[in-house]
Protein backbone atom coordinates (compact mmCIF):
# COMPACT_ATOMS: atom_id res chain seq x y z
CA MET A 1 -23.78 -19.45 -17.79
CA GLY A 2 -26.19 -16.71 -18.65
CA LEU A 3 -26.77 -15.60 -22.26
CA PHE A 4 -24.38 -12.74 -21.70
CA SER A 5 -22.44 -14.06 -19.15
CA PHE A 6 -19.27 -12.82 -21.44
CA LEU A 7 -20.34 -9.28 -20.95
CA ASN A 8 -19.13 -10.08 -17.49
CA LYS A 9 -15.56 -8.71 -16.02
CA GLU A 10 -13.96 -9.86 -12.77
CA ILE A 11 -11.03 -8.01 -11.60
CA ALA A 12 -9.54 -7.74 -8.74
CA ILE A 13 -8.11 -4.06 -7.05
CA ASP A 14 -5.42 -3.17 -4.34
CA LEU A 15 -6.10 0.37 -4.03
CA GLY A 16 -3.41 1.65 -2.17
CA THR A 17 -2.18 5.54 -1.33
CA ALA A 18 1.06 4.80 -3.34
CA ASN A 19 0.27 2.29 -5.69
CA THR A 20 -2.92 0.59 -7.16
CA ILE A 21 -2.77 -2.65 -8.72
CA ILE A 22 -5.11 -4.43 -10.91
CA ILE A 23 -5.62 -8.41 -11.53
CA TYR A 24 -7.75 -9.65 -14.54
CA ASN A 25 -7.80 -12.95 -15.33
CA ASP A 26 -5.29 -14.17 -12.44
CA LYS A 27 -2.49 -11.83 -14.07
CA VAL A 28 -1.54 -8.25 -12.97
CA VAL A 29 -2.49 -6.41 -15.68
CA VAL A 30 -1.90 -2.74 -14.02
CA ASP A 31 0.48 -1.82 -11.76
CA GLU A 32 1.11 2.22 -11.48
CA PRO A 33 1.43 4.79 -8.85
CA SER A 34 -2.03 6.37 -7.21
CA ILE A 35 -1.82 9.74 -8.76
CA ILE A 36 -3.18 11.99 -11.71
CA ALA A 37 -2.28 14.74 -13.32
CA ILE A 38 -5.43 17.40 -14.23
CA GLU A 39 -5.42 20.40 -15.77
CA ARG A 40 -7.04 23.28 -13.85
CA ASN A 41 -8.29 25.45 -16.13
CA THR A 42 -10.87 22.65 -18.06
CA GLY A 43 -10.73 19.54 -15.36
CA ARG A 44 -9.03 17.60 -18.45
CA ILE A 45 -7.06 14.14 -17.54
CA ILE A 46 -3.57 15.02 -18.73
CA ALA A 47 -1.54 11.73 -17.22
CA VAL A 48 -2.57 8.64 -14.81
CA GLY A 49 -0.09 6.11 -13.14
CA LYS A 50 3.85 6.60 -14.22
CA LYS A 51 3.21 9.55 -16.62
CA ALA A 52 1.75 11.76 -14.13
CA MET A 53 4.15 10.49 -11.49
CA MET A 54 6.84 11.93 -13.81
CA MET A 55 5.29 14.96 -13.56
CA HIS A 56 4.86 15.07 -9.81
CA GLY A 57 6.66 18.26 -8.21
CA LYS A 58 7.53 19.37 -11.36
CA THR A 59 3.92 21.41 -12.56
CA HIS A 60 3.08 24.62 -13.82
CA GLU A 61 -0.22 26.54 -12.39
CA ASN A 62 -2.27 25.20 -15.33
CA ILE A 63 -1.18 21.29 -14.30
CA LYS A 64 -1.73 19.89 -10.78
CA THR A 65 -0.81 16.57 -9.87
CA ILE A 66 -3.16 15.15 -7.22
CA ARG A 67 -2.64 11.70 -5.24
CA PRO A 68 -6.70 11.12 -4.57
CA LEU A 69 -5.59 8.41 -1.67
CA ARG A 70 -4.32 9.70 1.96
CA ASP A 71 -3.91 7.18 4.61
CA GLY A 72 -5.38 4.14 2.82
CA VAL A 73 -8.68 5.89 2.12
CA ILE A 74 -10.22 8.14 -0.69
CA ALA A 75 -9.12 11.83 0.18
CA ASP A 76 -10.83 13.27 -3.08
CA PHE A 77 -13.83 11.69 -4.20
CA GLN A 78 -14.23 12.71 -8.05
CA ALA A 79 -9.80 12.03 -8.62
CA ALA A 80 -10.19 8.85 -7.18
CA GLU A 81 -13.06 7.85 -9.35
CA HIS A 82 -11.51 9.62 -12.40
CA MET A 83 -8.22 7.12 -11.72
CA MET A 84 -10.30 4.20 -11.37
CA ARG A 85 -11.80 4.77 -14.20
CA GLU A 86 -8.76 5.44 -16.40
CA MET A 87 -6.85 2.28 -14.84
CA ILE A 88 -9.76 0.30 -15.86
CA LYS A 89 -8.88 1.48 -19.35
CA MET A 90 -5.61 0.28 -19.37
CA ILE A 91 -7.00 -3.29 -18.99
CA GLY A 92 -8.31 -3.24 -22.36
CA ILE A 93 -11.47 -4.75 -22.45
CA LYS A 94 -13.06 -3.80 -25.45
CA ASN A 95 -16.44 -4.97 -26.22
CA ARG A 96 -17.84 -3.11 -29.56
CA PHE A 97 -21.98 -2.66 -28.55
CA PHE A 98 -22.12 -3.24 -24.82
CA PRO A 99 -19.50 -1.71 -21.99
CA PRO A 100 -18.73 -4.82 -19.96
CA ALA A 101 -20.60 -5.34 -16.47
CA LEU A 102 -17.59 -5.17 -13.96
CA LYS A 103 -17.43 -7.27 -10.93
CA MET A 104 -15.18 -5.94 -8.34
CA VAL A 105 -13.32 -7.34 -5.14
CA ILE A 106 -11.17 -3.98 -3.26
CA CYS A 107 -8.69 -4.11 -0.42
CA ILE A 108 -9.35 -1.90 2.27
CA PRO A 109 -7.46 -0.72 5.45
CA SER A 110 -8.75 -2.97 8.43
CA GLY A 111 -9.08 0.41 10.43
CA ILE A 112 -11.83 2.23 7.85
CA THR A 113 -14.83 3.89 8.85
CA GLU A 114 -18.02 2.82 7.40
CA VAL A 115 -18.58 6.18 5.35
CA GLU A 116 -14.87 5.69 4.32
CA GLU A 117 -15.75 2.42 3.20
CA ARG A 118 -18.92 3.80 0.93
CA ALA A 119 -16.70 6.67 -0.16
CA VAL A 120 -14.31 3.39 -2.01
CA LYS A 121 -17.78 1.68 -3.08
CA ASP A 122 -19.29 4.51 -4.53
CA SER A 123 -16.12 5.45 -6.24
CA ALA A 124 -16.02 2.01 -8.22
CA GLU A 125 -19.84 2.25 -9.09
CA GLN A 126 -19.06 5.69 -10.71
CA ALA A 127 -15.81 4.04 -12.32
CA GLY A 128 -18.21 1.36 -13.86
CA ALA A 129 -18.53 -1.29 -11.49
CA LYS A 130 -22.02 -3.35 -11.57
CA GLU A 131 -20.94 -5.37 -8.18
CA VAL A 132 -18.51 -4.53 -5.40
CA ARG A 133 -16.83 -6.46 -2.90
CA LEU A 134 -14.41 -5.52 -0.15
CA ILE A 135 -11.79 -7.06 1.63
CA HIS A 136 -9.61 -6.08 4.60
CA GLU A 137 -6.01 -5.56 3.55
CA PRO A 138 -4.34 -7.73 6.03
CA MET A 139 -6.80 -10.48 5.34
CA ALA A 140 -6.18 -10.06 1.25
CA ALA A 141 -1.93 -10.31 2.70
CA ALA A 142 -2.53 -13.06 4.49
CA ILE A 143 -4.49 -15.30 1.32
CA GLY A 144 -1.89 -13.63 -1.08
CA ILE A 145 1.35 -15.46 1.24
CA GLY A 146 -0.17 -18.43 0.63
CA ILE A 147 -1.95 -18.78 4.43
CA ASP A 148 -5.18 -20.89 4.96
CA VAL A 149 -7.13 -18.25 6.67
CA LEU A 150 -10.02 -20.77 7.09
CA GLU A 151 -8.14 -23.16 9.39
CA PRO A 152 -8.41 -22.81 13.15
CA THR A 153 -4.42 -21.55 13.25
CA GLY A 154 -3.75 -17.89 14.79
CA ASN A 155 -1.44 -16.05 11.90
CA MET A 156 -0.29 -12.04 12.88
CA ILE A 157 0.18 -10.43 9.36
CA ILE A 158 1.77 -7.04 9.25
CA ASP A 159 1.20 -4.94 6.43
CA ILE A 160 2.60 -2.10 5.86
CA GLY A 161 2.01 0.24 2.83
CA GLY A 162 2.46 3.92 1.69
CA GLY A 163 -0.30 5.27 3.72
CA THR A 164 -1.15 2.57 7.07
CA SER A 165 0.41 -0.09 8.56
CA GLU A 166 -2.20 -3.15 9.48
CA ILE A 167 -1.34 -5.05 11.64
CA ALA A 168 -3.61 -8.25 12.12
CA VAL A 169 -4.18 -11.72 13.75
CA ILE A 170 -6.14 -13.87 11.63
CA ALA A 171 -8.07 -17.54 12.23
CA LEU A 172 -11.38 -19.21 10.85
CA GLY A 173 -11.22 -16.80 8.24
CA GLY A 174 -12.05 -13.69 10.56
CA ILE A 175 -9.51 -10.58 12.13
CA VAL A 176 -9.75 -11.58 15.96
CA ASN A 177 -7.62 -8.25 16.39
CA ASN A 178 -6.60 -5.89 14.39
CA LYS A 179 -4.57 -2.45 14.76
CA SER A 180 -4.46 0.20 11.98
CA ILE A 181 -1.85 2.54 12.53
CA ARG A 182 -1.26 5.74 9.58
CA ILE A 183 2.43 5.86 9.66
CA ALA A 184 4.12 3.91 7.04
CA GLY A 185 5.48 4.17 3.53
CA ASP A 186 4.63 8.04 3.32
CA ASP A 187 5.91 9.00 6.99
CA PHE A 188 8.96 7.23 6.19
CA ASN A 189 9.38 9.88 2.72
CA ALA A 190 8.45 13.07 5.49
CA ASP A 191 10.77 12.09 7.77
CA ILE A 192 13.71 11.57 5.64
CA GLU A 193 12.63 15.43 3.93
CA GLU A 194 12.74 16.68 7.36
CA TYR A 195 16.06 15.21 7.84
CA MET A 196 17.52 16.26 4.98
CA ARG A 197 16.53 19.46 6.01
CA LYS A 198 17.76 19.81 9.40
CA GLN A 199 21.14 18.29 9.05
CA HIS A 200 22.11 18.67 5.75
CA ASN A 201 19.92 22.40 5.04
CA ILE A 202 18.68 20.90 1.64
CA ASN A 203 15.31 21.15 0.45
CA ILE A 204 14.44 17.83 -1.33
CA GLY A 205 10.80 16.50 -2.99
CA GLU A 206 8.99 13.59 -1.88
CA ARG A 207 10.09 12.04 -4.90
CA THR A 208 13.85 12.60 -4.04
CA ALA A 209 12.78 11.04 -0.29
CA GLU A 210 11.52 8.08 -1.99
CA ARG A 211 14.14 7.65 -4.15
CA ILE A 212 16.40 7.69 -0.98
CA LYS A 213 14.52 5.10 0.78
CA ILE A 214 14.53 2.74 -1.79
CA GLU A 215 18.53 2.94 -2.31
CA VAL A 216 20.03 3.38 0.98
CA GLY A 217 16.93 3.35 3.99
CA ALA A 218 17.51 0.73 6.52
CA ALA A 219 15.16 0.34 10.18
CA LEU A 220 18.58 -0.80 11.73
CA PRO A 221 22.12 0.77 11.83
CA GLN A 222 24.20 -2.13 11.31
CA ILE A 223 23.10 -4.65 8.75
CA ASP A 224 24.34 -7.18 6.62
CA ASN A 225 25.43 -6.37 2.77
CA PRO A 226 24.89 -2.33 3.65
CA PRO A 227 24.23 -0.23 0.53
CA ASP A 228 26.70 2.22 -1.25
CA GLU A 229 26.32 5.99 -0.05
CA PHE A 230 23.77 7.44 -2.17
CA PRO A 231 24.10 10.85 -4.12
CA VAL A 232 21.03 13.35 -3.43
CA HIS A 233 20.43 16.17 -5.38
CA GLY A 234 18.35 19.47 -3.82
CA ARG A 235 18.09 22.90 -2.95
CA ASP A 236 20.50 24.52 -0.96
CA MET A 237 18.64 26.40 2.02
CA LEU A 238 21.16 28.67 2.07
CA THR A 239 22.13 30.14 -1.31
CA GLY A 240 19.26 28.52 -3.01
CA ILE A 241 21.41 27.09 -5.79
CA PRO A 242 21.01 23.16 -6.86
CA LYS A 243 23.89 21.12 -4.53
CA GLU A 244 24.64 17.37 -4.17
CA ILE A 245 25.04 15.67 -0.55
CA LYS A 246 26.14 11.93 -0.03
CA VAL A 247 23.96 9.55 2.36
CA ASN A 248 24.62 6.96 3.57
CA TYR A 249 22.03 4.10 5.72
CA THR A 250 22.69 4.67 8.90
CA GLU A 251 21.56 8.09 8.84
CA ILE A 252 18.60 7.27 7.56
CA ALA A 253 17.91 4.19 10.04
CA HIS A 254 18.79 7.14 12.61
CA CYS A 255 16.09 9.28 11.06
CA LEU A 256 13.49 6.35 10.22
CA ASP A 257 13.75 5.16 14.24
CA LYS A 258 10.99 6.99 15.54
CA SER A 259 8.11 5.99 12.94
CA ILE A 260 9.69 2.77 13.32
CA SER A 261 9.14 2.28 17.00
CA LYS A 262 5.82 3.19 16.78
CA ILE A 263 5.06 0.60 14.29
CA GLU A 264 6.96 -1.57 16.97
CA ALA A 265 4.70 0.13 19.74
CA ALA A 266 1.70 -1.45 17.82
CA VAL A 267 2.94 -4.81 17.05
CA LEU A 268 3.28 -5.41 20.83
CA ASN A 269 0.04 -4.20 21.51
CA ALA A 270 -1.77 -6.35 19.29
CA LEU A 271 -0.14 -9.06 20.66
CA GLU A 272 -1.28 -8.34 24.55
CA MET A 273 -4.41 -8.42 22.80
CA THR A 274 -4.89 -12.25 21.10
CA PRO A 275 -6.00 -14.74 22.87
CA PRO A 276 -3.78 -17.05 25.00
CA GLU A 277 -4.62 -19.83 22.20
CA LEU A 278 -3.80 -17.97 19.31
CA SER A 279 -0.87 -16.65 20.96
CA ALA A 280 0.47 -20.23 21.37
CA ASP A 281 0.50 -20.28 17.38
CA ILE A 282 1.74 -17.16 16.56
CA PHE A 283 4.51 -18.58 19.09
CA ARG A 284 5.05 -21.16 16.30
CA THR A 285 4.00 -20.03 13.33
CA GLY A 286 5.81 -16.15 13.61
CA ILE A 287 5.06 -12.84 12.53
CA TYR A 288 4.35 -12.22 8.56
CA LEU A 289 5.63 -8.60 6.65
CA ALA A 290 3.70 -8.00 3.80
CA GLY A 291 3.40 -4.62 1.94
CA GLY A 292 6.04 -2.18 0.27
CA GLY A 293 7.20 -1.44 3.75
CA SER A 294 8.19 -5.11 4.28
CA LEU A 295 11.36 -4.47 1.90
CA LEU A 296 13.19 -1.68 4.29
CA ARG A 297 16.16 -2.92 5.23
CA GLY A 298 16.61 -4.71 8.15
CA LEU A 299 12.71 -4.47 9.67
CA ASP A 300 12.26 -7.98 10.09
CA LYS A 301 15.58 -8.04 12.36
CA ARG A 302 14.48 -5.11 14.29
CA LEU A 303 10.92 -7.04 14.75
CA GLN A 304 12.39 -10.45 15.90
CA LEU A 305 14.61 -8.48 18.24
CA LYS A 306 11.69 -6.85 19.73
CA THR A 307 8.79 -9.28 19.85
CA LYS A 308 11.43 -12.41 20.31
CA LEU A 309 9.27 -14.25 17.13
CA PRO A 310 10.38 -15.53 14.08
CA VAL A 311 9.77 -12.86 11.30
CA HIS A 312 8.97 -13.67 7.70
CA VAL A 313 8.79 -11.45 4.63
CA ALA A 314 6.27 -12.40 2.02
CA GLU A 315 7.72 -13.43 -1.36
CA ASP A 316 7.18 -10.54 -3.52
CA PRO A 317 5.72 -8.42 -0.66
CA LEU A 318 4.43 -5.70 -2.74
CA ARG A 319 1.98 -7.29 -4.80
CA ALA A 320 0.48 -9.64 -1.80
CA VAL A 321 -2.23 -8.02 -1.23
CA ALA A 322 -3.16 -8.06 -4.46
CA ARG A 323 -2.35 -11.48 -5.60
CA GLY A 324 -5.10 -12.12 -1.63
CA THR A 325 -7.80 -10.11 -3.45
CA GLY A 326 -7.37 -12.11 -6.80
CA ILE A 327 -7.91 -15.03 -5.00
CA ALA A 328 -10.81 -13.95 -2.92
CA LEU A 329 -12.24 -12.48 -6.76
CA LYS A 330 -12.31 -16.03 -7.89
CA ASN A 331 -13.88 -17.35 -4.64
CA PHE A 332 -16.47 -14.28 -4.85
CA ASP A 333 -19.31 -16.43 -3.09
CA LYS A 334 -17.50 -18.75 -0.88
CA PHE A 335 -15.33 -16.54 1.40
CA PRO A 336 -17.20 -14.94 4.41
CA PHE A 337 -15.08 -12.04 4.88
CA LEU A 338 -15.96 -9.96 1.98
CA ILE A 339 -17.68 -7.47 2.88
CA LYS A 340 -21.12 -6.78 0.74
């Protein structure tokens, strides 16, 4: 323990396209949407997270809302840095005389390029990190689910987030093969918006599409315990007048079918590329689902029918990646898969 070790603070960040989760002292201290609201004239930050999300799609010309991450990677470097800085402030780490030296573990998609990786590190350093390590999302998800990733046993993880779906086979503390596709929760929202326009002549926003997905989203047209019809409010494309229509889960299952089929194809492709000994393990252990997309009703059943393998949805799948990142933070120097 050094003289100034009390100044070192360790935080784990799940920097997601849709949500950012920060873990400090083994607790989730920040769980906010990845969005920031800025004043156009001055560049002043007006709101971050939930408050900014409430403004999304409702702003006037002097305020703009920015989602700094697209498809799991940083699309707006400056906005990402501001967002991380503001969210780190939410933790409430205060020191009167010295700013704390932050040690961070951040999770990233497995299909990320070196340039995109560098952007994450630079944003974290600009936001005040002294030391940054990165961990791939499927690996973090596996640790968060409770799988012993260092064992010589094959496990298949599917992490469906906001921007990317990560499919990986993990054994001996490494990713044996992985498939990262940029089809996930945001694409489901876009599918719902398009379906509403074409089928019901109603214009809806991103936030309403997200609500529809949560309330009546489904991956199969027949499911147990179906949800009630959901009233949707939007603008009639013919008259321009606001109106309400009701949608049911069967309609949404039909409109999401194309995107889910692409995820299924990627899963089958990843299984094809898996070495035979690990395939034998996966036959026994099955497939693990994590990320917000795994909450889509009937998705586990649909993947089970397609692969003929048991499919397990993680406990609290939204936070599985963040939990794994937090565990990796505690074992900063022990885990071989943390990228320096």
